[in-house]
Amino acid sequence: MSISVSRAVPALLLSVLISGGTVALAAPAHADRWTYDDAAGDVTHTVETDTSLSIVTAPEQENGDITQVAVDHRRAKLVVDVRTRTRITGSFMAGVGIRTRGHHFLLMSMRAPGMSSTDLMDFNSDGPSERCPGLKRRLVAAKTAIRFTIPRSCLDDPRWVRVGVTLSTLAMFTGESYDDDGLRTGMTLSSSVGVGAGKSPKIRR
């Protein structure tokens, strides 16, 4: 049975939300820009039966296949570029987990027919949704990349950030969702429930 949009949303949230078990992918960074080249052909989808749940690699799935994550920690804003193997088409859900010294933020962005939203949540505050004037999502580079811009003021002007990225696309004809954790090779069953989801090292200002 194919996974639905409603079931893909919790998996996407959990994959970038839970900090336990995350791994740094390089030595601590001291510059304000960090990039990570993610393997092509490592998109996965969930296969569910009455008795099992498994993650299967779909190397033929080019839409939503992350090839690079670039993070610019600038003076006034944090810019996250998520580059993909081909032009991004159809519906997608993207999550950017942002860890700072005192906060755990989650940027959630969705595009679907009749629906488009980008929201920032702070899970260390009393309410999860945060007003963030200047928060933006744009498709750039001939729609082969998604650029997220987050004012640093919305993140409490952190000295450093750690960032994790996931991207899910929906195949409209089959209803299957395809997922890629942009900071690991593929997306394992453990990372889909938050254990081992990739995070960058500290990117400082």
Protein backbone atom coordinates (compact mmCIF):
# COMPACT_ATOMS: atom_id res chain seq x y z
CA MET A 1 0.00 0.00 0.00
CA SER A 2 1.43 3.38 -0.95
CA ILE A 3 2.02 6.06 1.61
CA SER A 4 -0.36 9.02 1.54
CA VAL A 5 0.31 12.73 1.95
CA SER A 6 -1.22 12.65 5.43
CA ARG A 7 1.19 9.88 6.45
CA ALA A 8 4.16 11.52 4.75
CA VAL A 9 3.78 14.74 6.78
CA PRO A 10 4.48 13.14 10.20
CA ALA A 11 7.47 11.25 8.79
CA LEU A 12 8.88 14.46 7.33
CA LEU A 13 8.33 16.32 10.59
CA LEU A 14 9.97 13.64 12.66
CA SER A 15 12.94 13.26 10.34
CA VAL A 16 14.10 16.81 11.06
CA LEU A 17 12.49 17.43 14.45
CA ILE A 18 14.06 14.93 16.80
CA SER A 19 17.61 15.79 17.71
CA GLY A 20 18.52 12.57 19.48
CA GLY A 21 20.95 10.42 17.55
CA THR A 22 21.86 13.01 14.97
CA VAL A 23 25.33 12.97 13.49
CA ALA A 24 27.59 15.79 12.41
CA LEU A 25 28.83 15.24 8.91
CA ALA A 26 32.15 17.05 9.19
CA ALA A 27 34.41 18.74 11.70
CA PRO A 28 33.00 21.90 13.32
CA ALA A 29 32.77 24.71 10.79
CA HIS A 30 34.19 28.15 11.53
CA ALA A 31 33.18 29.87 8.30
CA ASP A 32 29.72 31.26 7.68
CA ARG A 33 29.08 29.07 4.60
CA TRP A 34 28.79 25.30 4.52
CA THR A 35 27.95 22.91 1.68
CA TYR A 36 27.24 19.21 1.50
CA ASP A 37 27.07 17.13 -1.70
CA ASP A 38 24.40 14.49 -1.37
CA ALA A 39 24.51 11.34 -3.49
CA ALA A 40 22.24 11.22 -6.53
CA GLY A 41 19.88 8.29 -6.97
CA ASP A 42 19.18 7.82 -3.25
CA VAL A 43 15.50 8.82 -3.14
CA THR A 44 13.41 6.32 -1.20
CA HIS A 45 9.78 5.49 -0.63
CA THR A 46 7.95 3.55 2.05
CA VAL A 47 6.50 0.14 1.25
CA GLU A 48 3.87 -1.03 3.70
CA THR A 49 2.15 -4.38 3.93
CA ASP A 50 -0.14 -5.86 6.56
CA THR A 51 2.88 -7.23 8.39
CA SER A 52 5.85 -5.02 7.51
CA LEU A 53 7.11 -1.51 6.85
CA SER A 54 10.25 -0.95 4.83
CA ILE A 55 12.17 1.79 3.04
CA VAL A 56 13.00 1.02 -0.59
CA THR A 57 15.46 2.98 -2.74
CA ALA A 58 14.05 4.35 -6.01
CA PRO A 59 17.11 5.41 -8.06
CA GLU A 60 14.94 6.13 -11.10
CA GLN A 61 13.07 8.84 -9.16
CA GLU A 62 14.74 12.08 -10.22
CA ASN A 63 12.13 14.56 -8.99
CA GLY A 64 13.03 15.63 -5.47
CA ASP A 65 16.45 13.95 -5.50
CA ILE A 66 18.66 16.29 -3.45
CA THR A 67 22.22 16.66 -4.76
CA GLN A 68 23.52 19.53 -2.63
CA VAL A 69 22.64 21.51 0.48
CA ALA A 70 24.29 24.92 0.94
CA VAL A 71 23.88 27.03 4.07
CA ASP A 72 24.88 30.70 4.27
CA HIS A 73 24.87 32.09 7.80
CA ARG A 74 24.86 35.78 6.95
CA ARG A 75 24.78 38.88 9.11
CA ALA A 76 21.02 39.41 8.83
CA LYS A 77 19.66 36.11 7.54
CA LEU A 78 20.16 32.39 7.16
CA VAL A 79 19.91 31.17 3.55
CA VAL A 80 19.46 27.46 2.82
CA ASP A 81 19.70 26.27 -0.81
CA VAL A 82 18.48 22.76 -1.58
CA ARG A 83 19.61 21.70 -5.07
CA THR A 84 17.99 18.78 -6.86
CA ARG A 85 18.95 16.49 -9.73
CA THR A 86 16.21 17.78 -12.05
CA ARG A 87 13.58 20.51 -12.20
CA ILE A 88 11.21 20.26 -9.25
CA THR A 89 7.69 19.43 -10.41
CA GLY A 90 4.37 18.73 -8.75
CA SER A 91 3.61 18.75 -5.06
CA PHE A 92 6.35 18.77 -2.46
CA MET A 93 6.94 19.12 1.26
CA ALA A 94 10.26 20.37 2.58
CA GLY A 95 11.53 20.54 6.13
CA VAL A 96 14.51 22.47 7.43
CA GLY A 97 15.45 21.71 11.02
CA ILE A 98 17.52 24.47 12.65
CA ARG A 99 19.27 23.86 15.93
CA THR A 100 20.76 26.75 17.91
CA ARG A 101 22.18 26.92 21.40
CA GLY A 102 18.83 27.71 22.96
CA HIS A 103 16.20 26.72 20.40
CA HIS A 104 15.02 24.00 18.09
CA PHE A 105 13.28 25.47 15.04
CA LEU A 106 11.50 23.69 12.22
CA LEU A 107 10.71 25.37 8.92
CA MET A 108 7.94 23.52 7.10
CA SER A 109 7.11 24.34 3.49
CA MET A 110 4.43 22.77 1.31
CA ARG A 111 3.31 23.20 -2.27
CA ALA A 112 0.25 21.35 -3.56
CA PRO A 113 -2.70 22.18 -5.83
CA GLY A 114 -4.56 25.03 -4.16
CA MET A 115 -2.12 25.14 -1.26
CA SER A 116 1.19 26.86 -0.61
CA SER A 117 2.65 27.61 2.80
CA THR A 118 5.95 28.20 4.56
CA ASP A 119 5.98 28.38 8.35
CA LEU A 120 8.58 28.53 11.09
CA MET A 121 7.99 26.74 14.40
CA ASP A 122 9.95 27.09 17.63
CA PHE A 123 9.56 24.00 19.77
CA ASN A 124 11.13 25.72 22.76
CA SER A 125 8.39 28.35 22.96
CA ASP A 126 4.88 28.17 24.42
CA GLY A 127 3.32 28.05 20.96
CA PRO A 128 4.81 26.20 17.96
CA SER A 129 4.05 28.75 15.22
CA GLU A 130 6.25 31.82 14.99
CA ARG A 131 5.56 35.08 13.19
CA CYS A 132 8.57 35.68 10.99
CA PRO A 133 8.33 38.66 8.63
CA GLY A 134 10.73 38.12 5.76
CA LEU A 135 10.53 34.32 5.77
CA LYS A 136 10.69 33.25 2.12
CA ARG A 137 10.71 30.21 -0.16
CA ARG A 138 11.68 30.53 -3.82
CA LEU A 139 12.39 28.13 -6.65
CA VAL A 140 15.67 29.21 -8.27
CA ALA A 141 18.21 27.99 -10.85
CA ALA A 142 15.53 27.06 -13.40
CA LYS A 143 13.54 25.37 -10.62
CA THR A 144 16.33 22.94 -9.81
CA ALA A 145 16.74 24.40 -6.33
CA ILE A 146 14.61 25.63 -3.44
CA ARG A 147 15.95 28.64 -1.56
CA PHE A 148 14.78 29.32 1.98
CA THR A 149 15.54 32.68 3.58
CA ILE A 150 15.09 33.03 7.35
CA PRO A 151 15.83 36.34 9.11
CA ARG A 152 18.27 35.75 11.96
CA SER A 153 16.05 37.86 14.18
CA CYS A 154 13.44 35.07 13.97
CA LEU A 155 16.08 32.65 15.26
CA ASP A 156 17.07 34.88 18.21
CA ASP A 157 20.26 35.98 16.39
CA PRO A 158 22.25 32.81 17.09
CA ARG A 159 26.04 32.59 17.12
CA TRP A 160 25.82 29.23 15.36
CA VAL A 161 23.27 26.95 13.72
CA ARG A 162 23.08 23.28 12.81
CA VAL A 163 20.81 22.48 9.88
CA GLY A 164 19.06 19.36 8.60
CA VAL A 165 16.99 19.10 5.40
CA THR A 166 14.40 16.68 4.04
CA LEU A 167 12.36 16.83 0.85
CA SER A 168 9.30 14.76 -0.07
CA THR A 169 7.56 14.75 -3.43
CA LEU A 170 4.26 13.17 -4.38
CA ALA A 171 3.63 11.09 -7.48
CA MET A 172 0.13 12.27 -8.39
CA PHE A 173 -0.84 9.21 -10.46
CA THR A 174 0.23 6.57 -7.94
CA GLY A 175 -0.18 8.53 -4.72
CA GLU A 176 3.26 7.44 -3.52
CA SER A 177 5.53 9.88 -1.75
CA TYR A 178 9.28 9.89 -2.34
CA ASP A 179 11.71 11.14 0.26
CA ASP A 180 15.30 12.31 0.46
CA ASP A 181 17.28 13.31 3.52
CA GLY A 182 19.66 15.86 2.04
CA LEU A 183 22.44 15.31 4.56
CA ARG A 184 22.74 11.55 4.38
CA THR A 185 23.08 8.94 1.66
CA GLY A 186 19.45 8.05 1.21
CA MET A 187 16.82 8.05 3.92
CA THR A 188 16.77 4.97 6.10
CA LEU A 189 13.86 3.65 8.11
CA SER A 190 15.59 4.86 11.27
CA SER A 191 16.05 8.39 9.93
CA SER A 192 12.41 8.53 8.84
CA VAL A 193 11.43 8.32 12.50
CA GLY A 194 14.07 10.78 13.60
CA VAL A 195 16.93 8.51 14.66
CA GLY A 196 20.08 9.31 12.73
CA ALA A 197 18.66 12.15 10.63
CA GLY A 198 21.53 14.18 9.23
CA LYS A 199 22.58 17.52 10.71
CA SER A 200 25.32 19.89 9.65
CA PRO A 201 28.15 20.83 11.98
CA LYS A 202 27.93 24.20 13.72
CA ILE A 203 27.93 27.00 11.16
CA ARG A 204 29.09 30.11 12.96
CA ARG A 205 28.78 33.83 12.45
